[in-house]
Amino acid sequence: MSANNSEAIISQANAYILNINKFLKSVKSEVSADFIYFNNKGIIITTNKAAAPSNLNIVEMYVKELDNSNLNNVMSPHLL
């Protein structure tokens, strides 16, 4: 993800966290997104606990649907 895309996402991080949590809650997930931060590899979305692949896919789908995300730069979610 380019620096411009990441900075645009970070600038609206609170709204994105709320929306990601709404999506996760709608599928009755116990996982919730805590915060978004930026490093040299792009944005990182942290969760309250290890997420199942289905939960990670929900987060990935949400990020790919953002107006300011470049789909070619969205990496598949994974545990760090």
PDB file of N, CA and C in Angstrom:
ATOM      1  N   MET A   1       0.851  -1.156   0.000  1.00  0.00           N
ATOM      2  CA  MET A   1       0.000   0.000   0.000  1.00  0.00           C
ATOM      3  C   MET A   1       0.902   1.225   0.000  1.00  0.00           C
ATOM      4  N   SER A   2       0.622   2.171  -0.831  1.00  0.00           N
ATOM      5  CA  SER A   2       1.460   3.359  -0.912  1.00  0.00           C
ATOM      6  C   SER A   2       1.309   4.214   0.332  1.00  0.00           C
ATOM      7  N   ALA A   3       2.275   5.093   0.547  1.00  0.00           N
ATOM      8  CA  ALA A   3       2.228   5.973   1.715  1.00  0.00           C
ATOM      9  C   ALA A   3       0.983   6.847   1.687  1.00  0.00           C
ATOM     10  N   ASN A   4       0.615   7.346   0.498  1.00  0.00           N
ATOM     11  CA  ASN A   4      -0.581   8.194   0.399  1.00  0.00           C
ATOM     12  C   ASN A   4      -1.842   7.434   0.792  1.00  0.00           C
ATOM     13  N   ASN A   5      -1.980   6.193   0.309  1.00  0.00           N
ATOM     14  CA  ASN A   5      -3.148   5.383   0.676  1.00  0.00           C
ATOM     15  C   ASN A   5      -3.167   5.113   2.172  1.00  0.00           C
ATOM     16  N   SER A   6      -2.009   4.764   2.710  1.00  0.00           N
ATOM     17  CA  SER A   6      -1.933   4.459   4.141  1.00  0.00           C
ATOM     18  C   SER A   6      -2.270   5.674   4.980  1.00  0.00           C
ATOM     19  N   GLU A   7      -1.744   6.819   4.615  1.00  0.00           N
ATOM     20  CA  GLU A   7      -2.021   8.036   5.374  1.00  0.00           C
ATOM     21  C   GLU A   7      -3.499   8.406   5.301  1.00  0.00           C
ATOM     22  N   ALA A   8      -4.120   8.178   4.158  1.00  0.00           N
ATOM     23  CA  ALA A   8      -5.548   8.469   4.019  1.00  0.00           C
ATOM     24  C   ALA A   8      -6.365   7.546   4.922  1.00  0.00           C
ATOM     25  N   ILE A   9      -5.975   6.298   5.005  1.00  0.00           N
ATOM     26  CA  ILE A   9      -6.681   5.351   5.863  1.00  0.00           C
ATOM     27  C   ILE A   9      -6.455   5.704   7.329  1.00  0.00           C
ATOM     28  N   ILE A  10      -5.225   6.019   7.689  1.00  0.00           N
ATOM     29  CA  ILE A  10      -4.914   6.374   9.072  1.00  0.00           C
ATOM     30  C   ILE A  10      -5.692   7.608   9.510  1.00  0.00           C
ATOM     31  N   SER A  11      -5.868   8.566   8.607  1.00  0.00           N
ATOM     32  CA  SER A  11      -6.563   9.803   8.973  1.00  0.00           C
ATOM     33  C   SER A  11      -8.019   9.554   9.371  1.00  0.00           C
ATOM     34  N   GLN A  12      -8.595   8.457   8.904  1.00  0.00           N
ATOM     35  CA  GLN A  12      -9.983   8.117   9.238  1.00  0.00           C
ATOM     36  C   GLN A  12     -10.061   6.810  10.019  1.00  0.00           C
ATOM     37  N   ALA A  13      -8.993   6.490  10.749  1.00  0.00           N
ATOM     38  CA  ALA A  13      -8.882   5.198  11.428  1.00  0.00           C
ATOM     39  C   ALA A  13     -10.035   4.924  12.391  1.00  0.00           C
ATOM     40  N   ASN A  14     -10.467   5.925  13.140  1.00  0.00           N
ATOM     41  CA  ASN A  14     -11.550   5.691  14.107  1.00  0.00           C
ATOM     42  C   ASN A  14     -12.816   5.198  13.425  1.00  0.00           C
ATOM     43  N   ALA A  15     -13.175   5.814  12.329  1.00  0.00           N
ATOM     44  CA  ALA A  15     -14.378   5.393  11.601  1.00  0.00           C
ATOM     45  C   ALA A  15     -14.201   3.986  11.027  1.00  0.00           C
ATOM     46  N   TYR A  16     -13.013   3.697  10.525  1.00  0.00           N
ATOM     47  CA  TYR A  16     -12.764   2.369   9.953  1.00  0.00           C
ATOM     48  C   TYR A  16     -12.815   1.281  11.017  1.00  0.00           C
ATOM     49  N   ILE A  17     -12.260   1.558  12.196  1.00  0.00           N
ATOM     50  CA  ILE A  17     -12.312   0.576  13.283  1.00  0.00           C
ATOM     51  C   ILE A  17     -13.763   0.302  13.666  1.00  0.00           C
ATOM     52  N   LEU A  18     -14.563   1.345  13.782  1.00  0.00           N
ATOM     53  CA  LEU A  18     -15.979   1.158  14.113  1.00  0.00           C
ATOM     54  C   LEU A  18     -16.683   0.301  13.073  1.00  0.00           C
ATOM     55  N   ASN A  19     -16.434   0.569  11.798  1.00  0.00           N
ATOM     56  CA  ASN A  19     -17.083  -0.192  10.730  1.00  0.00           C
ATOM     57  C   ASN A  19     -16.599  -1.638  10.687  1.00  0.00           C
ATOM     58  N   ILE A  20     -15.300  -1.854  10.853  1.00  0.00           N
ATOM     59  CA  ILE A  20     -14.780  -3.231  10.876  1.00  0.00           C
ATOM     60  C   ILE A  20     -15.435  -3.997  12.014  1.00  0.00           C
ATOM     61  N   ASN A  21     -15.543  -3.369  13.181  1.00  0.00           N
ATOM     62  CA  ASN A  21     -16.165  -4.045  14.323  1.00  0.00           C
ATOM     63  C   ASN A  21     -17.643  -4.329  14.083  1.00  0.00           C
ATOM     64  N   LYS A  22     -18.333  -3.451  13.366  1.00  0.00           N
ATOM     65  CA  LYS A  22     -19.734  -3.729  13.012  1.00  0.00           C
ATOM     66  C   LYS A  22     -19.833  -4.967  12.129  1.00  0.00           C
ATOM     67  N   PHE A  23     -18.934  -5.077  11.134  1.00  0.00           N
ATOM     68  CA  PHE A  23     -18.927  -6.251  10.263  1.00  0.00           C
ATOM     69  C   PHE A  23     -18.631  -7.514  11.070  1.00  0.00           C
ATOM     70  N   LEU A  24     -17.639  -7.448  11.956  1.00  0.00           N
ATOM     71  CA  LEU A  24     -17.291  -8.619  12.761  1.00  0.00           C
ATOM     72  C   LEU A  24     -18.435  -9.002  13.696  1.00  0.00           C
ATOM     73  N   LYS A  25     -19.086  -8.016  14.285  1.00  0.00           N
ATOM     74  CA  LYS A  25     -20.201  -8.290  15.185  1.00  0.00           C
ATOM     75  C   LYS A  25     -21.382  -8.898  14.432  1.00  0.00           C
ATOM     76  N   SER A  26     -21.579  -8.483  13.185  1.00  0.00           N
ATOM     77  CA  SER A  26     -22.712  -8.992  12.400  1.00  0.00           C
ATOM     78  C   SER A  26     -22.598 -10.492  12.122  1.00  0.00           C
ATOM     79  N   VAL A  27     -21.380 -11.028  12.161  1.00  0.00           N
ATOM     80  CA  VAL A  27     -21.196 -12.474  11.973  1.00  0.00           C
ATOM     81  C   VAL A  27     -20.960 -13.169  13.314  1.00  0.00           C
ATOM     82  N   LYS A  28     -21.289 -12.454  14.388  1.00  0.00           N
ATOM     83  CA  LYS A  28     -21.194 -12.982  15.754  1.00  0.00           C
ATOM     84  C   LYS A  28     -19.774 -13.403  16.126  1.00  0.00           C
ATOM     85  N   SER A  29     -18.807 -12.637  15.672  1.00  0.00           N
ATOM     86  CA  SER A  29     -17.407 -12.894  15.993  1.00  0.00           C
ATOM     87  C   SER A  29     -17.072 -12.341  17.370  1.00  0.00           C
ATOM     88  N   GLU A  30     -16.208 -13.024  18.087  1.00  0.00           N
ATOM     89  CA  GLU A  30     -15.715 -12.523  19.366  1.00  0.00           C
ATOM     90  C   GLU A  30     -14.474 -11.646  19.181  1.00  0.00           C
ATOM     91  N   VAL A  31     -14.005 -11.547  17.963  1.00  0.00           N
ATOM     92  CA  VAL A  31     -12.827 -10.737  17.643  1.00  0.00           C
ATOM     93  C   VAL A  31     -13.278  -9.312  17.377  1.00  0.00           C
ATOM     94  N   SER A  32     -12.494  -8.354  17.850  1.00  0.00           N
ATOM     95  CA  SER A  32     -12.759  -6.959  17.514  1.00  0.00           C
ATOM     96  C   SER A  32     -11.446  -6.271  17.161  1.00  0.00           C
ATOM     97  N   ALA A  33     -11.542  -5.309  16.268  1.00  0.00           N
ATOM     98  CA  ALA A  33     -10.367  -4.529  15.880  1.00  0.00           C
ATOM     99  C   ALA A  33     -10.105  -3.493  16.966  1.00  0.00           C
ATOM    100  N   ASP A  34      -8.840  -3.354  17.348  1.00  0.00           N
ATOM    101  CA  ASP A  34      -8.481  -2.404  18.409  1.00  0.00           C
ATOM    102  C   ASP A  34      -8.031  -1.068  17.843  1.00  0.00           C
ATOM    103  N   PHE A  35      -7.060  -1.105  16.953  1.00  0.00           N
ATOM    104  CA  PHE A  35      -6.581   0.139  16.367  1.00  0.00           C
ATOM    105  C   PHE A  35      -5.835  -0.138  15.076  1.00  0.00           C
ATOM    106  N   ILE A  36      -5.603   0.912  14.320  1.00  0.00           N
ATOM    107  CA  ILE A  36      -4.875   0.863  13.055  1.00  0.00           C
ATOM    108  C   ILE A  36      -3.624   1.711  13.219  1.00  0.00           C
ATOM    109  N   TYR A  37      -2.496   1.185  12.788  1.00  0.00           N
ATOM    110  CA  TYR A  37      -1.297   2.013  12.772  1.00  0.00           C
ATOM    111  C   TYR A  37      -0.523   1.778  11.491  1.00  0.00           C
ATOM    112  N   PHE A  38       0.403   2.642  11.239  1.00  0.00           N
ATOM    113  CA  PHE A  38       1.166   2.658   9.989  1.00  0.00           C
ATOM    114  C   PHE A  38       2.627   2.386  10.297  1.00  0.00           C
ATOM    115  N   ASN A  39       3.255   1.505   9.509  1.00  0.00           N
ATOM    116  CA  ASN A  39       4.708   1.330   9.588  1.00  0.00           C
ATOM    117  C   ASN A  39       5.262   1.285   8.178  1.00  0.00           C
ATOM    118  N   ASN A  40       6.526   0.923   8.027  1.00  0.00           N
ATOM    119  CA  ASN A  40       7.152   0.956   6.704  1.00  0.00           C
ATOM    120  C   ASN A  40       6.579  -0.075   5.732  1.00  0.00           C
ATOM    121  N   LYS A  41       5.818  -1.032   6.210  1.00  0.00           N
ATOM    122  CA  LYS A  41       5.211  -2.042   5.339  1.00  0.00           C
ATOM    123  C   LYS A  41       3.784  -1.694   4.956  1.00  0.00           C
ATOM    124  N   GLY A  42       3.197  -0.680   5.591  1.00  0.00           N
ATOM    125  CA  GLY A  42       1.824  -0.288   5.291  1.00  0.00           C
ATOM    126  C   GLY A  42       1.023  -0.140   6.558  1.00  0.00           C
ATOM    127  N   ILE A  43      -0.275  -0.406   6.467  1.00  0.00           N
ATOM    128  CA  ILE A  43      -1.112  -0.294   7.664  1.00  0.00           C
ATOM    129  C   ILE A  43      -1.224  -1.655   8.334  1.00  0.00           C
ATOM    130  N   ILE A  44      -1.384  -1.608   9.646  1.00  0.00           N
ATOM    131  CA  ILE A  44      -1.584  -2.821  10.425  1.00  0.00           C
ATOM    132  C   ILE A  44      -2.824  -2.605  11.278  1.00  0.00           C
ATOM    133  N   ILE A  45      -3.740  -3.560  11.208  1.00  0.00           N
ATOM    134  CA  ILE A  45      -4.958  -3.518  12.012  1.00  0.00           C
ATOM    135  C   ILE A  45      -4.807  -4.581  13.091  1.00  0.00           C
ATOM    136  N   THR A  46      -4.802  -4.148  14.340  1.00  0.00           N
ATOM    137  CA  THR A  46      -4.651  -5.098  15.440  1.00  0.00           C
ATOM    138  C   THR A  46      -6.023  -5.493  15.970  1.00  0.00           C
ATOM    139  N   THR A  47      -6.087  -6.715  16.483  1.00  0.00           N
ATOM    140  CA  THR A  47      -7.330  -7.231  17.043  1.00  0.00           C
ATOM    141  C   THR A  47      -7.112  -7.622  18.497  1.00  0.00           C
ATOM    142  N   ASN A  48      -8.210  -7.823  19.209  1.00  0.00           N
ATOM    143  CA  ASN A  48      -8.126  -8.144  20.629  1.00  0.00           C
ATOM    144  C   ASN A  48      -7.611  -9.552  20.890  1.00  0.00           C
ATOM    145  N   LYS A  49      -7.664 -10.430  19.896  1.00  0.00           N
ATOM    146  CA  LYS A  49      -7.125 -11.782  20.030  1.00  0.00           C
ATOM    147  C   LYS A  49      -6.872 -12.350  18.637  1.00  0.00           C
ATOM    148  N   ALA A  50      -6.211 -13.492  18.615  1.00  0.00           N
ATOM    149  CA  ALA A  50      -5.925 -14.128  17.321  1.00  0.00           C
ATOM    150  C   ALA A  50      -7.239 -14.370  16.582  1.00  0.00           C
ATOM    151  N   ALA A  51      -7.248 -14.023  15.319  1.00  0.00           N
ATOM    152  CA  ALA A  51      -8.475 -14.106  14.526  1.00  0.00           C
ATOM    153  C   ALA A  51      -8.465 -15.345  13.641  1.00  0.00           C
ATOM    154  N   ALA A  52      -9.627 -15.906  13.471  1.00  0.00           N
ATOM    155  CA  ALA A  52      -9.797 -17.025  12.554  1.00  0.00           C
ATOM    156  C   ALA A  52      -9.707 -16.508  11.120  1.00  0.00           C
ATOM    157  N   PRO A  53      -9.364 -17.388  10.179  1.00  0.00           N
ATOM    158  CA  PRO A  53      -9.289 -16.942   8.776  1.00  0.00           C
ATOM    159  C   PRO A  53     -10.556 -16.248   8.288  1.00  0.00           C
ATOM    160  N   SER A  54     -11.719 -16.688   8.731  1.00  0.00           N
ATOM    161  CA  SER A  54     -12.964 -16.041   8.290  1.00  0.00           C
ATOM    162  C   SER A  54     -13.039 -14.606   8.788  1.00  0.00           C
ATOM    163  N   ASN A  55     -12.558 -14.348  10.008  1.00  0.00           N
ATOM    164  CA  ASN A  55     -12.537 -12.986  10.532  1.00  0.00           C
ATOM    165  C   ASN A  55     -11.534 -12.125   9.767  1.00  0.00           C
ATOM    166  N   LEU A  56     -10.389 -12.704   9.441  1.00  0.00           N
ATOM    167  CA  LEU A  56      -9.385 -11.961   8.676  1.00  0.00           C
ATOM    168  C   LEU A  56      -9.915 -11.614   7.287  1.00  0.00           C
ATOM    169  N   ASN A  57     -10.701 -12.519   6.707  1.00  0.00           N
ATOM    170  CA  ASN A  57     -11.278 -12.253   5.386  1.00  0.00           C
ATOM    171  C   ASN A  57     -12.272 -11.096   5.444  1.00  0.00           C
ATOM    172  N   ILE A  58     -13.014 -10.978   6.533  1.00  0.00           N
ATOM    173  CA  ILE A  58     -13.950  -9.861   6.690  1.00  0.00           C
ATOM    174  C   ILE A  58     -13.188  -8.550   6.701  1.00  0.00           C
ATOM    175  N   VAL A  59     -12.090  -8.506   7.454  1.00  0.00           N
ATOM    176  CA  VAL A  59     -11.268  -7.293   7.514  1.00  0.00           C
ATOM    177  C   VAL A  59     -10.683  -6.987   6.133  1.00  0.00           C
ATOM    178  N   GLU A  60     -10.186  -8.016   5.450  1.00  0.00           N
ATOM    179  CA  GLU A  60      -9.605  -7.815   4.119  1.00  0.00           C
ATOM    180  C   GLU A  60     -10.650  -7.276   3.140  1.00  0.00           C
ATOM    181  N   MET A  61     -11.855  -7.830   3.155  1.00  0.00           N
ATOM    182  CA  MET A  61     -12.912  -7.358   2.252  1.00  0.00           C
ATOM    183  C   MET A  61     -13.241  -5.903   2.532  1.00  0.00           C
ATOM    184  N   TYR A  62     -13.300  -5.533   3.800  1.00  0.00           N
ATOM    185  CA  TYR A  62     -13.608  -4.143   4.154  1.00  0.00           C
ATOM    186  C   TYR A  62     -12.524  -3.203   3.622  1.00  0.00           C
ATOM    187  N   VAL A  63     -11.264  -3.554   3.833  1.00  0.00           N
ATOM    188  CA  VAL A  63     -10.164  -2.688   3.386  1.00  0.00           C
ATOM    189  C   VAL A  63     -10.162  -2.570   1.865  1.00  0.00           C
ATOM    190  N   LYS A  64     -10.441  -3.656   1.170  1.00  0.00           N
ATOM    191  CA  LYS A  64     -10.458  -3.609  -0.298  1.00  0.00           C
ATOM    192  C   LYS A  64     -11.594  -2.754  -0.839  1.00  0.00           C
ATOM    193  N   GLU A  65     -12.656  -2.565  -0.064  1.00  0.00           N
ATOM    194  CA  GLU A  65     -13.788  -1.760  -0.512  1.00  0.00           C
ATOM    195  C   GLU A  65     -13.624  -0.271  -0.230  1.00  0.00           C
ATOM    196  N   LEU A  66     -12.588   0.108   0.482  1.00  0.00           N
ATOM    197  CA  LEU A  66     -12.361   1.523   0.781  1.00  0.00           C
ATOM    198  C   LEU A  66     -12.041   2.284  -0.493  1.00  0.00           C
ATOM    199  N   ASP A  67     -12.556   3.492  -0.597  1.00  0.00           N
ATOM    200  CA  ASP A  67     -12.340   4.315  -1.786  1.00  0.00           C
ATOM    201  C   ASP A  67     -10.871   4.629  -2.036  1.00  0.00           C
ATOM    202  N   ASN A  68     -10.103   4.792  -0.967  1.00  0.00           N
ATOM    203  CA  ASN A  68      -8.725   5.214  -1.125  1.00  0.00           C
ATOM    204  C   ASN A  68      -7.722   4.068  -1.052  1.00  0.00           C
ATOM    205  N   SER A  69      -8.168   2.825  -1.182  1.00  0.00           N
ATOM    206  CA  SER A  69      -7.217   1.713  -1.172  1.00  0.00           C
ATOM    207  C   SER A  69      -6.919   1.279  -2.598  1.00  0.00           C
ATOM    208  N   ASN A  70      -5.670   0.944  -2.822  1.00  0.00           N
ATOM    209  CA  ASN A  70      -5.223   0.425  -4.099  1.00  0.00           C
ATOM    210  C   ASN A  70      -5.251  -1.094  -3.987  1.00  0.00           C
ATOM    211  N   LEU A  71      -6.149  -1.748  -4.703  1.00  0.00           N
ATOM    212  CA  LEU A  71      -6.341  -3.193  -4.562  1.00  0.00           C
ATOM    213  C   LEU A  71      -5.077  -3.991  -4.845  1.00  0.00           C
ATOM    214  N   ASN A  72      -4.202  -3.475  -5.688  1.00  0.00           N
ATOM    215  CA  ASN A  72      -2.970  -4.191  -5.999  1.00  0.00           C
ATOM    216  C   ASN A  72      -2.012  -4.213  -4.811  1.00  0.00           C
ATOM    217  N   ASN A  73      -2.213  -3.305  -3.863  1.00  0.00           N
ATOM    218  CA  ASN A  73      -1.303  -3.203  -2.730  1.00  0.00           C
ATOM    219  C   ASN A  73      -1.866  -3.782  -1.432  1.00  0.00           C
ATOM    220  N   VAL A  74      -3.072  -4.337  -1.459  1.00  0.00           N
ATOM    221  CA  VAL A  74      -3.647  -4.915  -0.245  1.00  0.00           C
ATOM    222  C   VAL A  74      -3.156  -6.353  -0.134  1.00  0.00           C
ATOM    223  N   MET A  75      -2.380  -6.589   0.910  1.00  0.00           N
ATOM    224  CA  MET A  75      -1.870  -7.942   1.152  1.00  0.00           C
ATOM    225  C   MET A  75      -2.922  -8.756   1.884  1.00  0.00           C
ATOM    226  N   SER A  76      -2.870 -10.050   1.721  1.00  0.00           N
ATOM    227  CA  SER A  76      -3.787 -10.910   2.459  1.00  0.00           C
ATOM    228  C   SER A  76      -3.504 -10.783   3.946  1.00  0.00           C
ATOM    229  N   PRO A  77      -4.539 -10.792   4.751  1.00  0.00           N
ATOM    230  CA  PRO A  77      -4.330 -10.664   6.196  1.00  0.00           C
ATOM    231  C   PRO A  77      -3.612 -11.900   6.736  1.00  0.00           C
ATOM    232  N   HIS A  78      -2.846 -11.694   7.779  1.00  0.00           N
ATOM    233  CA  HIS A  78      -2.130 -12.782   8.409  1.00  0.00           C
ATOM    234  C   HIS A  78      -1.778 -12.409   9.842  1.00  0.00           C
ATOM    235  N   LEU A  79      -1.458 -13.414  10.615  1.00  0.00           N
ATOM    236  CA  LEU A  79      -1.068 -13.174  11.992  1.00  0.00           C
ATOM    237  C   LEU A  79       0.388 -12.752  12.027  1.00  0.00           C
ATOM    238  N   LEU A  80       0.693 -11.814  12.899  1.00  0.00           N
ATOM    239  CA  LEU A  80       2.081 -11.378  13.076  1.00  0.00           C
ATOM    240  C   LEU A  80       2.647 -11.949  14.341  1.00  0.00           C
TER     241      LEU A  80
END
